[in-house]
């Protein structure tokens, strides 16, 4: 499975949590695409462009004030349930939520079917400064990715009819070309830059006007650079194909 297939969508309005998720995934041996969204509207927009293997969802994407004193827990948990159900139609969801939200969801039992069918894992957000939920949510993502890679390997064996032939095919698979390397090595950092800028811009009402302007410039330049990388890599691949 190539890095272009290892897509994990990070959905959180908590910029610190999103950053920890991104750093945790990028610090391992695996290579991923990590599109980011600060709310459900942005998540829907990302899903037009990529199909993730796993979606990491923090309830702050549904309720920006999650974790603070709030009222109407039943109504809120209903909205969270709808968000989870929507995203789980695309890919398995690892949900991070506060204890009170978890309590409402458990009492209602509306997500039990998704849990039973393997479409949902729920992680309780640690209280105070604790960040144990970060490591747990990442471990669940890695487990799901490993399962997806296992299924992909099984399909390869089924297609070749032999695990020996599948291993041999993998051994002679050509290395990635320059265009693929360029896209991966530049686009991964660009995704992080753009995602963090958008997370901050989602809270533009709390930022000085000059800071908002600078963040918008960063986001615009990141998009422009990503488009430049796409054009360069496509042009290289066309020249390579003509000379082959």
C-alpha atoms as a PDB file:
ATOM      1  CA  UNK A   1       0.000   0.000   0.000  1.00  0.00           C
ATOM      2  CA  UNK A   2       1.495   3.322  -1.093  1.00  0.00           C
ATOM      3  CA  UNK A   3       1.525   6.563   0.936  1.00  0.00           C
ATOM      4  CA  UNK A   4      -1.102   7.893  -1.472  1.00  0.00           C
ATOM      5  CA  UNK A   5      -3.489   5.185  -0.258  1.00  0.00           C
ATOM      6  CA  UNK A   6      -2.727   5.722   3.448  1.00  0.00           C
ATOM      7  CA  UNK A   7      -5.068   8.667   3.945  1.00  0.00           C
ATOM      8  CA  UNK A   8      -6.128   9.681   7.476  1.00  0.00           C
ATOM      9  CA  UNK A   9      -8.558  12.602   7.729  1.00  0.00           C
ATOM     10  CA  UNK A  10      -7.993  14.662  10.905  1.00  0.00           C
ATOM     11  CA  UNK A  11     -11.145  16.530  11.994  1.00  0.00           C
ATOM     12  CA  UNK A  12     -10.788  18.820  15.034  1.00  0.00           C
ATOM     13  CA  UNK A  13     -11.205  22.453  16.018  1.00  0.00           C
ATOM     14  CA  UNK A  14      -8.590  21.876  18.735  1.00  0.00           C
ATOM     15  CA  UNK A  15      -5.419  22.962  16.925  1.00  0.00           C
ATOM     16  CA  UNK A  16      -3.179  21.475  19.620  1.00  0.00           C
ATOM     17  CA  UNK A  17      -4.823  18.058  19.352  1.00  0.00           C
ATOM     18  CA  UNK A  18      -4.709  18.149  15.544  1.00  0.00           C
ATOM     19  CA  UNK A  19      -1.007  19.005  15.691  1.00  0.00           C
ATOM     20  CA  UNK A  20      -0.323  16.126  18.093  1.00  0.00           C
ATOM     21  CA  UNK A  21      -2.214  13.731  15.859  1.00  0.00           C
ATOM     22  CA  UNK A  22      -0.231  14.868  12.835  1.00  0.00           C
ATOM     23  CA  UNK A  23       3.130  14.699  14.616  1.00  0.00           C
ATOM     24  CA  UNK A  24       2.329  11.277  16.059  1.00  0.00           C
ATOM     25  CA  UNK A  25       1.488   9.808  12.664  1.00  0.00           C
ATOM     26  CA  UNK A  26       4.416  11.450  10.871  1.00  0.00           C
ATOM     27  CA  UNK A  27       6.927  10.359  13.528  1.00  0.00           C
ATOM     28  CA  UNK A  28       6.397   6.661  12.834  1.00  0.00           C
ATOM     29  CA  UNK A  29       7.715   4.460  10.060  1.00  0.00           C
ATOM     30  CA  UNK A  30       4.595   4.846   7.908  1.00  0.00           C
ATOM     31  CA  UNK A  31       4.039   7.566   5.316  1.00  0.00           C
ATOM     32  CA  UNK A  32       0.595   9.100   5.109  1.00  0.00           C
ATOM     33  CA  UNK A  33      -1.563  11.737   3.527  1.00  0.00           C
ATOM     34  CA  UNK A  34      -3.023  13.790   6.384  1.00  0.00           C
ATOM     35  CA  UNK A  35      -5.721  16.190   5.214  1.00  0.00           C
ATOM     36  CA  UNK A  36      -7.105  18.310   8.068  1.00  0.00           C
ATOM     37  CA  UNK A  37     -10.462  19.941   8.796  1.00  0.00           C
ATOM     38  CA  UNK A  38     -11.589  22.170  11.656  1.00  0.00           C
ATOM     39  CA  UNK A  39     -15.310  21.443  11.278  1.00  0.00           C
ATOM     40  CA  UNK A  40     -17.762  19.222   9.459  1.00  0.00           C
ATOM     41  CA  UNK A  41     -18.146  21.585   6.514  1.00  0.00           C
ATOM     42  CA  UNK A  42     -14.395  21.461   5.884  1.00  0.00           C
ATOM     43  CA  UNK A  43     -14.410  17.678   6.360  1.00  0.00           C
ATOM     44  CA  UNK A  44     -17.088  17.296   3.683  1.00  0.00           C
ATOM     45  CA  UNK A  45     -15.009  19.469   1.358  1.00  0.00           C
ATOM     46  CA  UNK A  46     -11.902  17.310   1.954  1.00  0.00           C
ATOM     47  CA  UNK A  47     -13.907  14.154   1.231  1.00  0.00           C
ATOM     48  CA  UNK A  48     -14.622  15.404  -2.273  1.00  0.00           C
ATOM     49  CA  UNK A  49     -10.883  15.123  -2.956  1.00  0.00           C
ATOM     50  CA  UNK A  50      -9.686  12.135  -0.923  1.00  0.00           C
ATOM     51  CA  UNK A  51     -11.034   8.829   0.357  1.00  0.00           C
ATOM     52  CA  UNK A  52      -9.521   8.174   3.788  1.00  0.00           C
ATOM     53  CA  UNK A  53      -8.882   4.774   5.282  1.00  0.00           C
ATOM     54  CA  UNK A  54      -9.659   6.189   8.744  1.00  0.00           C
ATOM     55  CA  UNK A  55     -11.230   9.401  10.062  1.00  0.00           C
ATOM     56  CA  UNK A  56     -10.024  10.846  13.371  1.00  0.00           C
ATOM     57  CA  UNK A  57     -12.918  12.929  14.712  1.00  0.00           C
ATOM     58  CA  UNK A  58     -12.713  15.192  17.764  1.00  0.00           C
ATOM     59  CA  UNK A  59     -16.066  16.411  19.042  1.00  0.00           C
ATOM     60  CA  UNK A  60     -14.770  20.003  18.988  1.00  0.00           C
ATOM     61  CA  UNK A  61     -15.370  19.871  15.227  1.00  0.00           C
ATOM     62  CA  UNK A  62     -19.084  19.587  16.082  1.00  0.00           C
ATOM     63  CA  UNK A  63     -19.075  21.686  19.277  1.00  0.00           C
ATOM     64  CA  UNK A  64     -16.203  24.226  19.344  1.00  0.00           C
ATOM     65  CA  UNK A  65     -16.728  24.727  23.093  1.00  0.00           C
ATOM     66  CA  UNK A  66     -16.564  21.047  23.995  1.00  0.00           C
ATOM     67  CA  UNK A  67     -14.854  20.524  27.324  1.00  0.00           C
ATOM     68  CA  UNK A  68     -16.254  23.762  28.771  1.00  0.00           C
ATOM     69  CA  UNK A  69     -19.385  24.078  30.882  1.00  0.00           C
ATOM     70  CA  UNK A  70     -22.321  23.563  28.536  1.00  0.00           C
ATOM     71  CA  UNK A  71     -26.018  22.756  28.607  1.00  0.00           C
ATOM     72  CA  UNK A  72     -28.347  20.631  26.503  1.00  0.00           C
ATOM     73  CA  UNK A  73     -26.207  17.524  26.433  1.00  0.00           C
ATOM     74  CA  UNK A  74     -28.948  15.376  24.897  1.00  0.00           C
ATOM     75  CA  UNK A  75     -29.356  17.693  21.906  1.00  0.00           C
ATOM     76  CA  UNK A  76     -25.608  17.948  21.487  1.00  0.00           C
ATOM     77  CA  UNK A  77     -25.059  14.215  21.630  1.00  0.00           C
ATOM     78  CA  UNK A  78     -27.748  13.848  18.960  1.00  0.00           C
ATOM     79  CA  UNK A  79     -25.799  16.187  16.692  1.00  0.00           C
ATOM     80  CA  UNK A  80     -22.612  14.280  17.400  1.00  0.00           C
ATOM     81  CA  UNK A  81     -24.349  11.044  16.544  1.00  0.00           C
ATOM     82  CA  UNK A  82     -25.444  12.457  13.178  1.00  0.00           C
ATOM     83  CA  UNK A  83     -21.894  13.622  12.422  1.00  0.00           C
ATOM     84  CA  UNK A  84     -20.440  10.209  13.279  1.00  0.00           C
ATOM     85  CA  UNK A  85     -23.040   8.404  11.203  1.00  0.00           C
ATOM     86  CA  UNK A  86     -22.340  10.650   8.210  1.00  0.00           C
ATOM     87  CA  UNK A  87     -18.555  10.210   8.341  1.00  0.00           C
ATOM     88  CA  UNK A  88     -18.760   6.475   9.075  1.00  0.00           C
ATOM     89  CA  UNK A  89     -20.422   5.940   5.687  1.00  0.00           C
ATOM     90  CA  UNK A  90     -17.078   6.976   4.145  1.00  0.00           C
ATOM     91  CA  UNK A  91     -14.537   5.305   6.466  1.00  0.00           C
ATOM     92  CA  UNK A  92     -14.192   3.923   9.996  1.00  0.00           C
ATOM     93  CA  UNK A  93     -14.235   6.693  12.613  1.00  0.00           C
ATOM     94  CA  UNK A  94     -12.131   7.060  15.758  1.00  0.00           C
ATOM     95  CA  UNK A  95     -14.104   9.516  17.909  1.00  0.00           C
ATOM     96  CA  UNK A  96     -12.579  11.534  20.771  1.00  0.00           C
ATOM     97  CA  UNK A  97     -15.204  13.046  23.066  1.00  0.00           C
ATOM     98  CA  UNK A  98     -15.676  14.350  26.599  1.00  0.00           C
ATOM     99  CA  UNK A  99     -16.954  12.041  29.374  1.00  0.00           C
ATOM    100  CA  UNK A 100     -20.368  13.725  29.468  1.00  0.00           C
ATOM    101  CA  UNK A 101     -20.859  13.189  25.738  1.00  0.00           C
ATOM    102  CA  UNK A 102     -19.740   9.590  26.072  1.00  0.00           C
ATOM    103  CA  UNK A 103     -22.259   9.104  28.874  1.00  0.00           C
ATOM    104  CA  UNK A 104     -25.136  10.386  26.762  1.00  0.00           C
ATOM    105  CA  UNK A 105     -24.132   8.268  23.815  1.00  0.00           C
ATOM    106  CA  UNK A 106     -23.849   5.153  25.981  1.00  0.00           C
ATOM    107  CA  UNK A 107     -27.266   5.758  27.521  1.00  0.00           C
ATOM    108  CA  UNK A 108     -28.929   6.271  24.152  1.00  0.00           C
ATOM    109  CA  UNK A 109     -27.134   3.355  22.532  1.00  0.00           C
ATOM    110  CA  UNK A 110     -27.559   4.899  19.076  1.00  0.00           C
ATOM    111  CA  UNK A 111     -23.981   4.145  17.959  1.00  0.00           C
ATOM    112  CA  UNK A 112     -23.855   0.561  19.218  1.00  0.00           C
ATOM    113  CA  UNK A 113     -24.415  -0.822  15.726  1.00  0.00           C
ATOM    114  CA  UNK A 114     -21.444   1.135  14.321  1.00  0.00           C
ATOM    115  CA  UNK A 115     -19.222  -0.084  17.156  1.00  0.00           C
ATOM    116  CA  UNK A 116     -20.367  -3.671  16.665  1.00  0.00           C
ATOM    117  CA  UNK A 117     -19.791  -3.478  12.919  1.00  0.00           C
ATOM    118  CA  UNK A 118     -16.265  -2.132  13.387  1.00  0.00           C
ATOM    119  CA  UNK A 119     -17.071   1.299  11.955  1.00  0.00           C
ATOM    120  CA  UNK A 120     -16.484   3.238  15.179  1.00  0.00           C
ATOM    121  CA  UNK A 121     -14.041   3.427  18.089  1.00  0.00           C
ATOM    122  CA  UNK A 122     -14.746   5.860  20.940  1.00  0.00           C
ATOM    123  CA  UNK A 123     -11.981   7.423  23.071  1.00  0.00           C
ATOM    124  CA  UNK A 124     -12.726   9.445  26.197  1.00  0.00           C
ATOM    125  CA  UNK A 125     -10.969  12.801  26.268  1.00  0.00           C
ATOM    126  CA  UNK A 126      -8.668  12.994  29.300  1.00  0.00           C
ATOM    127  CA  UNK A 127      -9.568  15.607  31.882  1.00  0.00           C
ATOM    128  CA  UNK A 128      -7.425  18.680  32.559  1.00  0.00           C
ATOM    129  CA  UNK A 129      -3.943  18.604  31.044  1.00  0.00           C
ATOM    130  CA  UNK A 130      -3.983  14.853  30.492  1.00  0.00           C
ATOM    131  CA  UNK A 131      -3.397  13.778  26.892  1.00  0.00           C
ATOM    132  CA  UNK A 132      -3.718  10.020  27.177  1.00  0.00           C
ATOM    133  CA  UNK A 133      -6.488  10.117  24.589  1.00  0.00           C
ATOM    134  CA  UNK A 134      -3.953  11.223  21.967  1.00  0.00           C
ATOM    135  CA  UNK A 135      -1.867   8.050  22.219  1.00  0.00           C
ATOM    136  CA  UNK A 136      -4.940   5.821  22.429  1.00  0.00           C
ATOM    137  CA  UNK A 137      -6.637   7.378  19.408  1.00  0.00           C
ATOM    138  CA  UNK A 138      -3.436   7.094  17.369  1.00  0.00           C
ATOM    139  CA  UNK A 139      -2.970   3.451  18.348  1.00  0.00           C
ATOM    140  CA  UNK A 140      -6.527   2.716  17.180  1.00  0.00           C
ATOM    141  CA  UNK A 141      -5.802   4.437  13.868  1.00  0.00           C
ATOM    142  CA  UNK A 142      -2.626   2.396  13.393  1.00  0.00           C
ATOM    143  CA  UNK A 143      -4.510  -0.803  14.181  1.00  0.00           C
ATOM    144  CA  UNK A 144      -7.125   0.032  11.567  1.00  0.00           C
ATOM    145  CA  UNK A 145      -4.460   0.902   9.007  1.00  0.00           C
ATOM    146  CA  UNK A 146      -2.689  -2.400   9.690  1.00  0.00           C
ATOM    147  CA  UNK A 147      -5.983  -4.228   9.176  1.00  0.00           C
ATOM    148  CA  UNK A 148      -6.539  -2.385   5.875  1.00  0.00           C
ATOM    149  CA  UNK A 149      -3.043  -3.316   4.691  1.00  0.00           C
ATOM    150  CA  UNK A 150      -3.700  -6.928   5.680  1.00  0.00           C
ATOM    151  CA  UNK A 151      -6.861  -6.951   3.579  1.00  0.00           C
ATOM    152  CA  UNK A 152      -4.937  -5.428   0.656  1.00  0.00           C
ATOM    153  CA  UNK A 153      -2.266  -8.147   0.970  1.00  0.00           C
ATOM    154  CA  UNK A 154      -4.969 -10.819   1.037  1.00  0.00           C
ATOM    155  CA  UNK A 155      -6.439  -9.403  -2.182  1.00  0.00           C
ATOM    156  CA  UNK A 156      -2.978  -9.559  -3.768  1.00  0.00           C
ATOM    157  CA  UNK A 157      -2.659 -13.217  -2.781  1.00  0.00           C
ATOM    158  CA  UNK A 158      -6.119 -13.948  -4.184  1.00  0.00           C
ATOM    159  CA  UNK A 159      -5.263 -12.275  -7.478  1.00  0.00           C
ATOM    160  CA  UNK A 160      -1.931 -14.083  -7.910  1.00  0.00           C
ATOM    161  CA  UNK A 161      -3.154 -17.359  -6.421  1.00  0.00           C
ATOM    162  CA  UNK A 162       0.000 -17.732  -4.326  1.00  0.00           C
ATOM    163  CA  UNK A 163       1.594 -15.841  -1.415  1.00  0.00           C
ATOM    164  CA  UNK A 164       4.986 -16.630  -2.970  1.00  0.00           C
ATOM    165  CA  UNK A 165       3.997 -14.979  -6.238  1.00  0.00           C
ATOM    166  CA  UNK A 166       2.528 -12.031  -4.337  1.00  0.00           C
ATOM    167  CA  UNK A 167       5.785 -11.560  -2.434  1.00  0.00           C
ATOM    168  CA  UNK A 168       7.779 -11.874  -5.663  1.00  0.00           C
ATOM    169  CA  UNK A 169       5.588  -9.279  -7.351  1.00  0.00           C
ATOM    170  CA  UNK A 170       6.135  -6.912  -4.445  1.00  0.00           C
ATOM    171  CA  UNK A 171       9.886  -7.518  -4.576  1.00  0.00           C
ATOM    172  CA  UNK A 172      10.162  -6.534  -8.232  1.00  0.00           C
ATOM    173  CA  UNK A 173       7.795  -3.593  -7.987  1.00  0.00           C
ATOM    174  CA  UNK A 174       9.599  -0.590  -9.491  1.00  0.00           C
ATOM    175  CA  UNK A 175      10.640   2.206  -7.143  1.00  0.00           C
ATOM    176  CA  UNK A 176       8.481   5.343  -7.114  1.00  0.00           C
ATOM    177  CA  UNK A 177       9.328   7.793  -9.876  1.00  0.00           C
ATOM    178  CA  UNK A 178      10.460  11.368  -9.383  1.00  0.00           C
ATOM    179  CA  UNK A 179       6.931  12.760  -9.803  1.00  0.00           C
ATOM    180  CA  UNK A 180       5.567  10.583  -6.997  1.00  0.00           C
ATOM    181  CA  UNK A 181       8.497  11.393  -4.709  1.00  0.00           C
ATOM    182  CA  UNK A 182       8.101  15.113  -5.417  1.00  0.00           C
ATOM    183  CA  UNK A 183       4.400  15.057  -4.621  1.00  0.00           C
ATOM    184  CA  UNK A 184       4.901  13.122  -1.413  1.00  0.00           C
ATOM    185  CA  UNK A 185       7.920  14.933  -0.027  1.00  0.00           C
ATOM    186  CA  UNK A 186       6.478  18.392  -0.704  1.00  0.00           C
ATOM    187  CA  UNK A 187       2.748  17.785  -0.305  1.00  0.00           C
ATOM    188  CA  UNK A 188       2.940  16.207   3.149  1.00  0.00           C
ATOM    189  CA  UNK A 189       4.542  19.308   4.750  1.00  0.00           C
ATOM    190  CA  UNK A 190       2.257  21.537   2.664  1.00  0.00           C
ATOM    191  CA  UNK A 191      -0.768  19.661   3.982  1.00  0.00           C
ATOM    192  CA  UNK A 192       0.397  20.362   7.528  1.00  0.00           C
ATOM    193  CA  UNK A 193       1.034  24.053   6.804  1.00  0.00           C
ATOM    194  CA  UNK A 194      -2.318  24.524   5.090  1.00  0.00           C
ATOM    195  CA  UNK A 195      -4.200  22.499   7.695  1.00  0.00           C
ATOM    196  CA  UNK A 196      -2.760  24.462  10.614  1.00  0.00           C
ATOM    197  CA  UNK A 197      -3.439  27.781   8.876  1.00  0.00           C
ATOM    198  CA  UNK A 198      -7.050  26.754   8.279  1.00  0.00           C
ATOM    199  CA  UNK A 199      -7.457  25.623  11.883  1.00  0.00           C
ATOM    200  CA  UNK A 200      -6.357  29.073  13.039  1.00  0.00           C
ATOM    201  CA  UNK A 201      -8.483  30.846  10.443  1.00  0.00           C
ATOM    202  CA  UNK A 202     -11.492  28.933  11.738  1.00  0.00           C
ATOM    203  CA  UNK A 203     -11.107  31.077  14.868  1.00  0.00           C
ATOM    204  CA  UNK A 204     -10.507  34.338  13.047  1.00  0.00           C
ATOM    205  CA  UNK A 205     -12.959  36.144  15.336  1.00  0.00           C
ATOM    206  CA  UNK A 206     -10.449  35.716  18.191  1.00  0.00           C
ATOM    207  CA  UNK A 207      -7.424  36.923  16.219  1.00  0.00           C
ATOM    208  CA  UNK A 208      -6.162  40.416  15.323  1.00  0.00           C
ATOM    209  CA  UNK A 209      -6.951  41.506  11.773  1.00  0.00           C
ATOM    210  CA  UNK A 210      -3.239  41.566  10.849  1.00  0.00           C
ATOM    211  CA  UNK A 211      -2.807  37.970  12.037  1.00  0.00           C
ATOM    212  CA  UNK A 212      -5.813  36.861   9.974  1.00  0.00           C
ATOM    213  CA  UNK A 213      -4.349  38.549   6.888  1.00  0.00           C
ATOM    214  CA  UNK A 214      -0.982  36.842   7.349  1.00  0.00           C
ATOM    215  CA  UNK A 215      -2.608  33.441   7.903  1.00  0.00           C
ATOM    216  CA  UNK A 216      -4.654  33.902   4.749  1.00  0.00           C
ATOM    217  CA  UNK A 217      -1.474  34.706   2.825  1.00  0.00           C
ATOM    218  CA  UNK A 218       0.146  31.522   4.203  1.00  0.00           C
ATOM    219  CA  UNK A 219      -2.873  29.438   3.186  1.00  0.00           C
ATOM    220  CA  UNK A 220      -3.016  30.998  -0.299  1.00  0.00           C
ATOM    221  CA  UNK A 221       0.709  30.451  -0.887  1.00  0.00           C
ATOM    222  CA  UNK A 222       0.472  26.839   0.305  1.00  0.00           C
ATOM    223  CA  UNK A 223      -2.355  26.181  -2.155  1.00  0.00           C
ATOM    224  CA  UNK A 224      -0.378  27.903  -4.924  1.00  0.00           C
ATOM    225  CA  UNK A 225       2.757  25.863  -4.169  1.00  0.00           C
ATOM    226  CA  UNK A 226       0.779  22.621  -4.089  1.00  0.00           C
ATOM    227  CA  UNK A 227      -0.652  23.422  -7.516  1.00  0.00           C
ATOM    228  CA  UNK A 228       2.869  24.201  -8.801  1.00  0.00           C
ATOM    229  CA  UNK A 229       4.115  20.826  -7.508  1.00  0.00           C
ATOM    230  CA  UNK A 230       1.216  19.094  -9.235  1.00  0.00           C
ATOM    231  CA  UNK A 231       1.993  20.769 -12.559  1.00  0.00           C
ATOM    232  CA  UNK A 232       5.724  20.029 -12.303  1.00  0.00           C
ATOM    233  CA  UNK A 233       5.244  16.385 -11.394  1.00  0.00           C
ATOM    234  CA  UNK A 234       2.685  15.886 -14.172  1.00  0.00           C
ATOM    235  CA  UNK A 235       5.000  17.547 -16.705  1.00  0.00           C
ATOM    236  CA  UNK A 236       7.902  15.334 -15.603  1.00  0.00           C
ATOM    237  CA  UNK A 237       5.783  12.194 -15.886  1.00  0.00           C
ATOM    238  CA  UNK A 238       4.635  13.175 -19.394  1.00  0.00           C
ATOM    239  CA  UNK A 239       8.227  13.715 -20.547  1.00  0.00           C
ATOM    240  CA  UNK A 240       9.283  10.450 -18.927  1.00  0.00           C
ATOM    241  CA  UNK A 241       6.450   8.587 -20.669  1.00  0.00           C
ATOM    242  CA  UNK A 242       7.388  10.057 -24.069  1.00  0.00           C
ATOM    243  CA  UNK A 243      11.050   9.084 -23.654  1.00  0.00           C
ATOM    244  CA  UNK A 244      10.276   5.553 -22.445  1.00  0.00           C
END
